[in-house]
Amino acid sequence: AFVLLGWLNKDDTFYIQKDGVRYVYKIFEKKIVPPSEVGVLDAIAGHPATATLITCDPPGLNVNRMVIIGDQISPDPAANNASTALKTDVKPAELAGNSESLWHRIINAIF
């Protein structure tokens, strides 16, 4: 579903629907990072209500990750409730990705 994520750019909007509420986010950052750059999951100073979309880049390969970060613009983020998620210092070793593509499995089997 995220194969077209690369079409999004700064100032575009995306929507997330949860519990009957549509949240609107305006993109302020788009970047390509290696899977080991897990810092993209950290909170961002000056951006209290964000959503981060992550997919493999290039599509179909798990070499890098495309990261798109947006600020919540609707409903008003000032009305958000504080997170009830448990805090942890454990960070993943790398950003999860897809398993090898069929193309990679064929090439690896041949060579």
PDB file of N, CA and C in Angstrom:
ATOM      1  N   ALA A   1       0.817  -1.196   0.000  1.00  0.00           N
ATOM      2  CA  ALA A   1       0.000   0.000   0.000  1.00  0.00           C
ATOM      3  C   ALA A   1       0.860   1.259   0.000  1.00  0.00           C
ATOM      4  N   PHE A   2       2.105   1.156   0.461  1.00  0.00           N
ATOM      5  CA  PHE A   2       2.962   2.339   0.542  1.00  0.00           C
ATOM      6  C   PHE A   2       3.859   2.501  -0.681  1.00  0.00           C
ATOM      7  N   VAL A   3       3.651   1.719  -1.720  1.00  0.00           N
ATOM      8  CA  VAL A   3       4.520   1.791  -2.891  1.00  0.00           C
ATOM      9  C   VAL A   3       4.467   3.169  -3.556  1.00  0.00           C
ATOM     10  N   LEU A   4       3.372   3.901  -3.414  1.00  0.00           N
ATOM     11  CA  LEU A   4       3.243   5.227  -4.018  1.00  0.00           C
ATOM     12  C   LEU A   4       3.636   6.360  -3.060  1.00  0.00           C
ATOM     13  N   LEU A   5       4.162   6.024  -1.915  1.00  0.00           N
ATOM     14  CA  LEU A   5       4.542   7.031  -0.927  1.00  0.00           C
ATOM     15  C   LEU A   5       5.547   8.031  -1.500  1.00  0.00           C
ATOM     16  N   GLY A   6       6.371   7.600  -2.425  1.00  0.00           N
ATOM     17  CA  GLY A   6       7.372   8.480  -3.024  1.00  0.00           C
ATOM     18  C   GLY A   6       6.771   9.656  -3.779  1.00  0.00           C
ATOM     19  N   TRP A   7       5.514   9.571  -4.119  1.00  0.00           N
ATOM     20  CA  TRP A   7       4.851  10.683  -4.818  1.00  0.00           C
ATOM     21  C   TRP A   7       4.546  11.842  -3.880  1.00  0.00           C
ATOM     22  N   LEU A   8       4.548  11.593  -2.579  1.00  0.00           N
ATOM     23  CA  LEU A   8       4.267  12.663  -1.625  1.00  0.00           C
ATOM     24  C   LEU A   8       5.483  13.573  -1.474  1.00  0.00           C
ATOM     25  N   ASN A   9       5.222  14.853  -1.238  1.00  0.00           N
ATOM     26  CA  ASN A   9       6.287  15.841  -1.070  1.00  0.00           C
ATOM     27  C   ASN A   9       5.942  16.784   0.076  1.00  0.00           C
ATOM     28  N   LYS A  10       6.921  17.608   0.428  1.00  0.00           N
ATOM     29  CA  LYS A  10       6.732  18.606   1.481  1.00  0.00           C
ATOM     30  C   LYS A  10       5.476  19.428   1.185  1.00  0.00           C
ATOM     31  N   ASP A  11       4.701  19.690   2.215  1.00  0.00           N
ATOM     32  CA  ASP A  11       3.458  20.465   2.196  1.00  0.00           C
ATOM     33  C   ASP A  11       2.257  19.684   1.664  1.00  0.00           C
ATOM     34  N   ASP A  12       2.440  18.459   1.167  1.00  0.00           N
ATOM     35  CA  ASP A  12       1.300  17.602   0.840  1.00  0.00           C
ATOM     36  C   ASP A  12       0.656  17.149   2.150  1.00  0.00           C
ATOM     37  N   THR A  13      -0.566  16.659   2.074  1.00  0.00           N
ATOM     38  CA  THR A  13      -1.244  16.150   3.269  1.00  0.00           C
ATOM     39  C   THR A  13      -1.575  14.672   3.089  1.00  0.00           C
ATOM     40  N   PHE A  14      -1.672  13.990   4.218  1.00  0.00           N
ATOM     41  CA  PHE A  14      -2.159  12.619   4.231  1.00  0.00           C
ATOM     42  C   PHE A  14      -3.093  12.463   5.415  1.00  0.00           C
ATOM     43  N   TYR A  15      -3.892  11.407   5.374  1.00  0.00           N
ATOM     44  CA  TYR A  15      -4.935  11.197   6.374  1.00  0.00           C
ATOM     45  C   TYR A  15      -4.759   9.846   7.048  1.00  0.00           C
ATOM     46  N   ILE A  16      -5.079   9.818   8.330  1.00  0.00           N
ATOM     47  CA  ILE A  16      -5.138   8.567   9.087  1.00  0.00           C
ATOM     48  C   ILE A  16      -6.488   8.531   9.777  1.00  0.00           C
ATOM     49  N   GLN A  17      -7.220   7.466   9.571  1.00  0.00           N
ATOM     50  CA  GLN A  17      -8.548   7.297  10.178  1.00  0.00           C
ATOM     51  C   GLN A  17      -8.404   6.375  11.375  1.00  0.00           C
ATOM     52  N   LYS A  18      -8.861   6.826  12.566  1.00  0.00           N
ATOM     53  CA  LYS A  18      -8.819   5.994  13.772  1.00  0.00           C
ATOM     54  C   LYS A  18     -10.022   6.306  14.647  1.00  0.00           C
ATOM     55  N   ASP A  19     -10.709   5.241  15.048  1.00  0.00           N
ATOM     56  CA  ASP A  19     -11.880   5.372  15.930  1.00  0.00           C
ATOM     57  C   ASP A  19     -12.883   6.398  15.418  1.00  0.00           C
ATOM     58  N   GLY A  20     -13.114   6.399  14.119  1.00  0.00           N
ATOM     59  CA  GLY A  20     -14.098   7.300  13.532  1.00  0.00           C
ATOM     60  C   GLY A  20     -13.644   8.739  13.380  1.00  0.00           C
ATOM     61  N   VAL A  21     -12.382   9.008  13.672  1.00  0.00           N
ATOM     62  CA  VAL A  21     -11.848  10.376  13.546  1.00  0.00           C
ATOM     63  C   VAL A  21     -10.819  10.384  12.422  1.00  0.00           C
ATOM     64  N   ARG A  22     -10.915  11.366  11.545  1.00  0.00           N
ATOM     65  CA  ARG A  22      -9.925  11.521  10.472  1.00  0.00           C
ATOM     66  C   ARG A  22      -8.899  12.552  10.910  1.00  0.00           C
ATOM     67  N   TYR A  23      -7.641  12.095  11.007  1.00  0.00           N
ATOM     68  CA  TYR A  23      -6.527  12.965  11.369  1.00  0.00           C
ATOM     69  C   TYR A  23      -5.822  13.385  10.082  1.00  0.00           C
ATOM     70  N   VAL A  24      -5.544  14.673   9.969  1.00  0.00           N
ATOM     71  CA  VAL A  24      -4.890  15.212   8.779  1.00  0.00           C
ATOM     72  C   VAL A  24      -3.490  15.662   9.175  1.00  0.00           C
ATOM     73  N   TYR A  25      -2.513  15.265   8.355  1.00  0.00           N
ATOM     74  CA  TYR A  25      -1.113  15.603   8.610  1.00  0.00           C
ATOM     75  C   TYR A  25      -0.530  16.314   7.399  1.00  0.00           C
ATOM     76  N   LYS A  26       0.272  17.345   7.649  1.00  0.00           N
ATOM     77  CA  LYS A  26       0.958  18.081   6.583  1.00  0.00           C
ATOM     78  C   LYS A  26       2.439  17.707   6.635  1.00  0.00           C
ATOM     79  N   ILE A  27       2.963  17.254   5.518  1.00  0.00           N
ATOM     80  CA  ILE A  27       4.345  16.767   5.460  1.00  0.00           C
ATOM     81  C   ILE A  27       5.320  17.925   5.595  1.00  0.00           C
ATOM     82  N   PHE A  28       6.293  17.749   6.509  1.00  0.00           N
ATOM     83  CA  PHE A  28       7.353  18.742   6.647  1.00  0.00           C
ATOM     84  C   PHE A  28       8.729  18.146   6.383  1.00  0.00           C
ATOM     85  N   GLU A  29       8.809  16.818   6.282  1.00  0.00           N
ATOM     86  CA  GLU A  29      10.114  16.215   5.999  1.00  0.00           C
ATOM     87  C   GLU A  29       9.942  14.903   5.247  1.00  0.00           C
ATOM     88  N   LYS A  30      10.816  14.710   4.257  1.00  0.00           N
ATOM     89  CA  LYS A  30      10.859  13.471   3.480  1.00  0.00           C
ATOM     90  C   LYS A  30      12.321  13.157   3.262  1.00  0.00           C
ATOM     91  N   LYS A  31      12.734  11.942   3.615  1.00  0.00           N
ATOM     92  CA  LYS A  31      14.140  11.599   3.442  1.00  0.00           C
ATOM     93  C   LYS A  31      14.307  10.099   3.252  1.00  0.00           C
ATOM     94  N   ILE A  32      15.462   9.739   2.712  1.00  0.00           N
ATOM     95  CA  ILE A  32      15.850   8.348   2.532  1.00  0.00           C
ATOM     96  C   ILE A  32      16.956   8.070   3.542  1.00  0.00           C
ATOM     97  N   VAL A  33      16.794   7.000   4.309  1.00  0.00           N
ATOM     98  CA  VAL A  33      17.777   6.659   5.331  1.00  0.00           C
ATOM     99  C   VAL A  33      18.113   5.172   5.241  1.00  0.00           C
ATOM    100  N   PRO A  34      19.277   4.776   5.784  1.00  0.00           N
ATOM    101  CA  PRO A  34      19.571   3.347   5.862  1.00  0.00           C
ATOM    102  C   PRO A  34      18.708   2.711   6.955  1.00  0.00           C
ATOM    103  N   PRO A  35      18.498   1.406   6.901  1.00  0.00           N
ATOM    104  CA  PRO A  35      17.666   0.745   7.918  1.00  0.00           C
ATOM    105  C   PRO A  35      18.189   0.922   9.342  1.00  0.00           C
ATOM    106  N   SER A  36      19.473   1.188   9.484  1.00  0.00           N
ATOM    107  CA  SER A  36      20.063   1.341  10.819  1.00  0.00           C
ATOM    108  C   SER A  36      19.774   2.698  11.462  1.00  0.00           C
ATOM    109  N   GLU A  37      19.224   3.636  10.726  1.00  0.00           N
ATOM    110  CA  GLU A  37      18.951   4.974  11.268  1.00  0.00           C
ATOM    111  C   GLU A  37      17.597   4.999  11.982  1.00  0.00           C
ATOM    112  N   VAL A  38      17.574   4.416  13.189  1.00  0.00           N
ATOM    113  CA  VAL A  38      16.326   4.297  13.936  1.00  0.00           C
ATOM    114  C   VAL A  38      15.932   5.602  14.638  1.00  0.00           C
ATOM    115  N   GLY A  39      16.794   6.593  14.617  1.00  0.00           N
ATOM    116  CA  GLY A  39      16.496   7.878  15.232  1.00  0.00           C
ATOM    117  C   GLY A  39      15.307   8.586  14.603  1.00  0.00           C
ATOM    118  N   VAL A  40      14.911   8.170  13.403  1.00  0.00           N
ATOM    119  CA  VAL A  40      13.750   8.790  12.762  1.00  0.00           C
ATOM    120  C   VAL A  40      12.465   8.484  13.534  1.00  0.00           C
ATOM    121  N   LEU A  41      12.538   7.546  14.474  1.00  0.00           N
ATOM    122  CA  LEU A  41      11.368   7.210  15.291  1.00  0.00           C
ATOM    123  C   LEU A  41      11.272   8.068  16.554  1.00  0.00           C
ATOM    124  N   ASP A  42      12.306   8.862  16.839  1.00  0.00           N
ATOM    125  CA  ASP A  42      12.330   9.699  18.044  1.00  0.00           C
ATOM    126  C   ASP A  42      11.366  10.877  17.921  1.00  0.00           C
ATOM    127  N   ALA A  43      10.993  11.422  19.073  1.00  0.00           N
ATOM    128  CA  ALA A  43      10.188  12.650  19.095  1.00  0.00           C
ATOM    129  C   ALA A  43      11.007  13.774  18.460  1.00  0.00           C
ATOM    130  N   ILE A  44      10.317  14.738  17.861  1.00  0.00           N
ATOM    131  CA  ILE A  44      10.978  15.838  17.159  1.00  0.00           C
ATOM    132  C   ILE A  44      10.644  17.142  17.874  1.00  0.00           C
ATOM    133  N   ALA A  45      11.681  17.821  18.357  1.00  0.00           N
ATOM    134  CA  ALA A  45      11.487  19.085  19.067  1.00  0.00           C
ATOM    135  C   ALA A  45      10.744  20.073  18.177  1.00  0.00           C
ATOM    136  N   GLY A  46       9.755  20.740  18.762  1.00  0.00           N
ATOM    137  CA  GLY A  46       8.973  21.730  18.017  1.00  0.00           C
ATOM    138  C   GLY A  46       7.842  21.137  17.204  1.00  0.00           C
ATOM    139  N   HIS A  47       7.699  19.817  17.254  1.00  0.00           N
ATOM    140  CA  HIS A  47       6.632  19.127  16.519  1.00  0.00           C
ATOM    141  C   HIS A  47       5.946  18.144  17.483  1.00  0.00           C
ATOM    142  N   PRO A  48       4.986  18.641  18.272  1.00  0.00           N
ATOM    143  CA  PRO A  48       4.405  17.801  19.333  1.00  0.00           C
ATOM    144  C   PRO A  48       3.451  16.704  18.864  1.00  0.00           C
ATOM    145  N   ALA A  49       2.888  16.805  17.675  1.00  0.00           N
ATOM    146  CA  ALA A  49       1.915  15.799  17.204  1.00  0.00           C
ATOM    147  C   ALA A  49       2.255  15.433  15.763  1.00  0.00           C
ATOM    148  N   THR A  50       3.017  14.345  15.607  1.00  0.00           N
ATOM    149  CA  THR A  50       3.462  13.943  14.276  1.00  0.00           C
ATOM    150  C   THR A  50       3.054  12.508  13.962  1.00  0.00           C
ATOM    151  N   ALA A  51       3.098  12.176  12.690  1.00  0.00           N
ATOM    152  CA  ALA A  51       2.955  10.799  12.218  1.00  0.00           C
ATOM    153  C   ALA A  51       4.115  10.555  11.265  1.00  0.00           C
ATOM    154  N   THR A  52       4.715   9.382  11.376  1.00  0.00           N
ATOM    155  CA  THR A  52       5.839   9.015  10.531  1.00  0.00           C
ATOM    156  C   THR A  52       5.453   7.818   9.683  1.00  0.00           C
ATOM    157  N   LEU A  53       5.567   7.971   8.371  1.00  0.00           N
ATOM    158  CA  LEU A  53       5.295   6.884   7.436  1.00  0.00           C
ATOM    159  C   LEU A  53       6.631   6.361   6.935  1.00  0.00           C
ATOM    160  N   ILE A  54       6.788   5.034   6.935  1.00  0.00           N
ATOM    161  CA  ILE A  54       8.058   4.435   6.523  1.00  0.00           C
ATOM    162  C   ILE A  54       7.781   3.309   5.540  1.00  0.00           C
ATOM    163  N   THR A  55       8.556   3.283   4.460  1.00  0.00           N
ATOM    164  CA  THR A  55       8.466   2.201   3.487  1.00  0.00           C
ATOM    165  C   THR A  55       9.861   1.908   2.951  1.00  0.00           C
ATOM    166  N   CYS A  56       9.991   0.807   2.275  1.00  0.00           N
ATOM    167  CA  CYS A  56      11.277   0.448   1.680  1.00  0.00           C
ATOM    168  C   CYS A  56      11.539   1.309   0.456  1.00  0.00           C
ATOM    169  N   ASP A  57      12.832   1.587   0.209  1.00  0.00           N
ATOM    170  CA  ASP A  57      13.220   2.371  -0.949  1.00  0.00           C
ATOM    171  C   ASP A  57      14.493   1.794  -1.535  1.00  0.00           C
ATOM    172  N   PRO A  58      14.534   1.561  -2.827  1.00  0.00           N
ATOM    173  CA  PRO A  58      13.472   1.702  -3.804  1.00  0.00           C
ATOM    174  C   PRO A  58      12.376   0.663  -3.579  1.00  0.00           C
ATOM    175  N   PRO A  59      11.174   0.929  -4.092  1.00  0.00           N
ATOM    176  CA  PRO A  59      10.067  -0.004  -3.892  1.00  0.00           C
ATOM    177  C   PRO A  59      10.446  -1.420  -4.335  1.00  0.00           C
ATOM    178  N   GLY A  60      10.094  -2.379  -3.486  1.00  0.00           N
ATOM    179  CA  GLY A  60      10.375  -3.777  -3.784  1.00  0.00           C
ATOM    180  C   GLY A  60      11.714  -4.256  -3.273  1.00  0.00           C
ATOM    181  N   LEU A  61      12.569  -3.342  -2.836  1.00  0.00           N
ATOM    182  CA  LEU A  61      13.878  -3.702  -2.284  1.00  0.00           C
ATOM    183  C   LEU A  61      13.960  -3.202  -0.853  1.00  0.00           C
ATOM    184  N   ASN A  62      14.774  -3.860  -0.038  1.00  0.00           N
ATOM    185  CA  ASN A  62      14.864  -3.425   1.356  1.00  0.00           C
ATOM    186  C   ASN A  62      16.219  -2.792   1.670  1.00  0.00           C
ATOM    187  N   VAL A  63      16.798  -2.086   0.696  1.00  0.00           N
ATOM    188  CA  VAL A  63      18.107  -1.464   0.837  1.00  0.00           C
ATOM    189  C   VAL A  63      18.054  -0.259   1.775  1.00  0.00           C
ATOM    190  N   ASN A  64      17.111   0.635   1.563  1.00  0.00           N
ATOM    191  CA  ASN A  64      16.953   1.853   2.361  1.00  0.00           C
ATOM    192  C   ASN A  64      15.511   1.996   2.795  1.00  0.00           C
ATOM    193  N   ARG A  65      15.243   3.042   3.581  1.00  0.00           N
ATOM    194  CA  ARG A  65      13.887   3.352   3.994  1.00  0.00           C
ATOM    195  C   ARG A  65      13.547   4.783   3.586  1.00  0.00           C
ATOM    196  N   MET A  66      12.354   4.969   3.045  1.00  0.00           N
ATOM    197  CA  MET A  66      11.840   6.307   2.791  1.00  0.00           C
ATOM    198  C   MET A  66      11.013   6.679   4.016  1.00  0.00           C
ATOM    199  N   VAL A  67      11.309   7.837   4.572  1.00  0.00           N
ATOM    200  CA  VAL A  67      10.635   8.305   5.785  1.00  0.00           C
ATOM    201  C   VAL A  67       9.925   9.606   5.464  1.00  0.00           C
ATOM    202  N   ILE A  68       8.639   9.650   5.771  1.00  0.00           N
ATOM    203  CA  ILE A  68       7.844  10.866   5.564  1.00  0.00           C
ATOM    204  C   ILE A  68       7.221  11.229   6.909  1.00  0.00           C
ATOM    205  N   ILE A  69       7.452  12.473   7.334  1.00  0.00           N
ATOM    206  CA  ILE A  69       6.976  12.919   8.643  1.00  0.00           C
ATOM    207  C   ILE A  69       6.048  14.113   8.449  1.00  0.00           C
ATOM    208  N   GLY A  70       4.882  14.045   9.100  1.00  0.00           N
ATOM    209  CA  GLY A  70       3.913  15.119   8.984  1.00  0.00           C
ATOM    210  C   GLY A  70       3.430  15.608  10.340  1.00  0.00           C
ATOM    211  N   ASP A  71       3.112  16.888  10.398  1.00  0.00           N
ATOM    212  CA  ASP A  71       2.511  17.501  11.585  1.00  0.00           C
ATOM    213  C   ASP A  71       0.999  17.353  11.512  1.00  0.00           C
ATOM    214  N   GLN A  72       0.384  17.020  12.646  1.00  0.00           N
ATOM    215  CA  GLN A  72      -1.075  16.959  12.702  1.00  0.00           C
ATOM    216  C   GLN A  72      -1.622  18.378  12.585  1.00  0.00           C
ATOM    217  N   ILE A  73      -2.539  18.567  11.631  1.00  0.00           N
ATOM    218  CA  ILE A  73      -3.147  19.891  11.461  1.00  0.00           C
ATOM    219  C   ILE A  73      -4.643  19.867  11.759  1.00  0.00           C
ATOM    220  N   SER A  74      -5.243  18.683  11.778  1.00  0.00           N
ATOM    221  CA  SER A  74      -6.665  18.573  12.082  1.00  0.00           C
ATOM    222  C   SER A  74      -6.950  17.166  12.595  1.00  0.00           C
ATOM    223  N   PRO A  75      -7.809  17.002  13.590  1.00  0.00           N
ATOM    224  CA  PRO A  75      -8.328  18.057  14.459  1.00  0.00           C
ATOM    225  C   PRO A  75      -7.190  18.734  15.227  1.00  0.00           C
ATOM    226  N   ASP A  76      -7.508  19.840  15.851  1.00  0.00           N
ATOM    227  CA  ASP A  76      -6.505  20.625  16.567  1.00  0.00           C
ATOM    228  C   ASP A  76      -5.719  19.735  17.525  1.00  0.00           C
ATOM    229  N   PRO A  77      -4.386  19.623  17.344  1.00  0.00           N
ATOM    230  CA  PRO A  77      -3.584  18.752  18.196  1.00  0.00           C
ATOM    231  C   PRO A  77      -3.549  19.175  19.661  1.00  0.00           C
ATOM    232  N   ALA A  78      -3.931  20.403  19.967  1.00  0.00           N
ATOM    233  CA  ALA A  78      -3.958  20.854  21.357  1.00  0.00           C
ATOM    234  C   ALA A  78      -4.972  20.051  22.174  1.00  0.00           C
ATOM    235  N   ALA A  79      -5.951  19.466  21.503  1.00  0.00           N
ATOM    236  CA  ALA A  79      -6.974  18.683  22.200  1.00  0.00           C
ATOM    237  C   ALA A  79      -6.591  17.206  22.352  1.00  0.00           C
ATOM    238  N   ASN A  80      -5.412  16.803  21.866  1.00  0.00           N
ATOM    239  CA  ASN A  80      -4.989  15.406  21.967  1.00  0.00           C
ATOM    240  C   ASN A  80      -4.781  14.986  23.414  1.00  0.00           C
ATOM    241  N   ASN A  81      -5.064  13.736  23.699  1.00  0.00           N
ATOM    242  CA  ASN A  81      -4.764  13.159  25.006  1.00  0.00           C
ATOM    243  C   ASN A  81      -3.318  12.701  25.033  1.00  0.00           C
ATOM    244  N   ALA A  82      -2.728  12.696  26.215  1.00  0.00           N
ATOM    245  CA  ALA A  82      -1.358  12.207  26.362  1.00  0.00           C
ATOM    246  C   ALA A  82      -1.317  10.715  26.053  1.00  0.00           C
ATOM    247  N   SER A  83      -0.207  10.264  25.520  1.00  0.00           N
ATOM    248  CA  SER A  83      -0.027   8.856  25.184  1.00  0.00           C
ATOM    249  C   SER A  83      -0.068   7.989  26.440  1.00  0.00           C
ATOM    250  N   THR A  84      -0.687   6.826  26.310  1.00  0.00           N
ATOM    251  CA  THR A  84      -0.701   5.859  27.415  1.00  0.00           C
ATOM    252  C   THR A  84       0.272   4.715  27.139  1.00  0.00           C
ATOM    253  N   ALA A  85       1.053   4.834  26.056  1.00  0.00           N
ATOM    254  CA  ALA A  85       2.034   3.796  25.721  1.00  0.00           C
ATOM    255  C   ALA A  85       3.126   3.762  26.782  1.00  0.00           C
ATOM    256  N   LEU A  86       3.581   2.568  27.089  1.00  0.00           N
ATOM    257  CA  LEU A  86       4.659   2.417  28.056  1.00  0.00           C
ATOM    258  C   LEU A  86       5.959   2.956  27.475  1.00  0.00           C
ATOM    259  N   LYS A  87       6.692   3.710  28.281  1.00  0.00           N
ATOM    260  CA  LYS A  87       7.973   4.248  27.847  1.00  0.00           C
ATOM    261  C   LYS A  87       9.028   3.147  27.976  1.00  0.00           C
ATOM    262  N   THR A  88       9.936   3.110  27.010  1.00  0.00           N
ATOM    263  CA  THR A  88      11.014   2.130  27.052  1.00  0.00           C
ATOM    264  C   THR A  88      12.259   2.734  26.432  1.00  0.00           C
ATOM    265  N   ASP A  89      13.405   2.297  26.913  1.00  0.00           N
ATOM    266  CA  ASP A  89      14.679   2.751  26.355  1.00  0.00           C
ATOM    267  C   ASP A  89      15.175   1.804  25.269  1.00  0.00           C
ATOM    268  N   VAL A  90      14.448   0.726  25.046  1.00  0.00           N
ATOM    269  CA  VAL A  90      14.853  -0.259  24.053  1.00  0.00           C
ATOM    270  C   VAL A  90      14.518   0.262  22.667  1.00  0.00           C
ATOM    271  N   LYS A  91      15.521   0.317  21.800  1.00  0.00           N
ATOM    272  CA  LYS A  91      15.321   0.758  20.421  1.00  0.00           C
ATOM    273  C   LYS A  91      15.605  -0.415  19.500  1.00  0.00           C
ATOM    274  N   PRO A  92      14.893  -0.480  18.391  1.00  0.00           N
ATOM    275  CA  PRO A  92      15.186  -1.552  17.437  1.00  0.00           C
ATOM    276  C   PRO A  92      16.575  -1.353  16.836  1.00  0.00           C
ATOM    277  N   ALA A  93      17.183  -2.441  16.404  1.00  0.00           N
ATOM    278  CA  ALA A  93      18.503  -2.359  15.776  1.00  0.00           C
ATOM    279  C   ALA A  93      18.408  -1.721  14.400  1.00  0.00           C
ATOM    280  N   GLU A  94      17.294  -1.930  13.738  1.00  0.00           N
ATOM    281  CA  GLU A  94      17.081  -1.302  12.438  1.00  0.00           C
ATOM    282  C   GLU A  94      15.596  -1.207  12.154  1.00  0.00           C
ATOM    283  N   LEU A  95      15.262  -0.335  11.216  1.00  0.00           N
ATOM    284  CA  LEU A  95      13.875  -0.163  10.817  1.00  0.00           C
ATOM    285  C   LEU A  95      13.444  -1.389  10.031  1.00  0.00           C
ATOM    286  N   ALA A  96      12.353  -1.986  10.424  1.00  0.00           N
ATOM    287  CA  ALA A  96      11.878  -3.190   9.756  1.00  0.00           C
ATOM    288  C   ALA A  96      11.645  -2.937   8.279  1.00  0.00           C
ATOM    289  N   GLY A  97      11.817  -3.957   7.503  1.00  0.00           N
ATOM    290  CA  GLY A  97      11.598  -3.857   6.070  1.00  0.00           C
ATOM    291  C   GLY A  97      10.948  -5.115   5.555  1.00  0.00           C
ATOM    292  N   ASN A  98      10.696  -5.116   4.293  1.00  0.00           N
ATOM    293  CA  ASN A  98      10.130  -6.298   3.665  1.00  0.00           C
ATOM    294  C   ASN A  98      11.194  -7.373   3.557  1.00  0.00           C
ATOM    295  N   SER A  99      10.758  -8.609   3.456  1.00  0.00           N
ATOM    296  CA  SER A  99      11.709  -9.669   3.179  1.00  0.00           C
ATOM    297  C   SER A  99      12.239  -9.479   1.773  1.00  0.00           C
ATOM    298  N   GLU A 100      13.229 -10.245   1.408  1.00  0.00           N
ATOM    299  CA  GLU A 100      13.791 -10.112   0.070  1.00  0.00           C
ATOM    300  C   GLU A 100      12.709 -10.275  -0.988  1.00  0.00           C
ATOM    301  N   SER A 101      12.824  -9.486  -2.040  1.00  0.00           N
ATOM    302  CA  SER A 101      11.863  -9.591  -3.131  1.00  0.00           C
ATOM    303  C   SER A 101      12.091 -10.889  -3.889  1.00  0.00           C
ATOM    304  N   LEU A 102      11.113 -11.284  -4.670  1.00  0.00           N
ATOM    305  CA  LEU A 102      11.238 -12.480  -5.494  1.00  0.00           C
ATOM    306  C   LEU A 102      12.446 -12.345  -6.414  1.00  0.00           C
ATOM    307  N   TRP A 103      12.637 -11.157  -6.975  1.00  0.00           N
ATOM    308  CA  TRP A 103      13.772 -10.909  -7.851  1.00  0.00           C
ATOM    309  C   TRP A 103      15.088 -11.182  -7.124  1.00  0.00           C
ATOM    310  N   HIS A 104      15.251 -10.685  -5.908  1.00  0.00           N
ATOM    311  CA  HIS A 104      16.471 -10.919  -5.140  1.00  0.00           C
ATOM    312  C   HIS A 104      16.655 -12.400  -4.837  1.00  0.00           C
ATOM    313  N   ARG A 105      15.575 -13.085  -4.499  1.00  0.00           N
ATOM    314  CA  ARG A 105      15.701 -14.512  -4.204  1.00  0.00           C
ATOM    315  C   ARG A 105      16.148 -15.296  -5.431  1.00  0.00           C
ATOM    316  N   ILE A 106      15.646 -14.936  -6.614  1.00  0.00           N
ATOM    317  CA  ILE A 106      16.067 -15.612  -7.844  1.00  0.00           C
ATOM    318  C   ILE A 106      17.541 -15.342  -8.120  1.00  0.00           C
ATOM    319  N   ILE A 107      17.958 -14.086  -8.051  1.00  0.00           N
ATOM    320  CA  ILE A 107      19.349 -13.725  -8.302  1.00  0.00           C
ATOM    321  C   ILE A 107      20.268 -14.416  -7.304  1.00  0.00           C
ATOM    322  N   ASN A 108      19.899 -14.405  -6.024  1.00  0.00           N
ATOM    323  CA  ASN A 108      20.736 -15.045  -4.999  1.00  0.00           C
ATOM    324  C   ASN A 108      20.818 -16.566  -5.215  1.00  0.00           C
ATOM    325  N   ALA A 109      19.758 -17.165  -5.725  1.00  0.00           N
ATOM    326  CA  ALA A 109      19.766 -18.609  -5.991  1.00  0.00           C
ATOM    327  C   ALA A 109      20.678 -18.938  -7.166  1.00  0.00           C
ATOM    328  N   ILE A 110      20.754 -18.030  -8.142  1.00  0.00           N
ATOM    329  CA  ILE A 110      21.578 -18.260  -9.322  1.00  0.00           C
ATOM    330  C   ILE A 110      23.053 -18.024  -9.010  1.00  0.00           C
ATOM    331  N   PHE A 111      23.330 -16.960  -8.274  1.00  0.00           N
ATOM    332  CA  PHE A 111      24.713 -16.591  -7.990  1.00  0.00           C
ATOM    333  C   PHE A 111      25.057 -16.924  -6.579  1.00  0.00           C
TER     334      PHE A 111
END
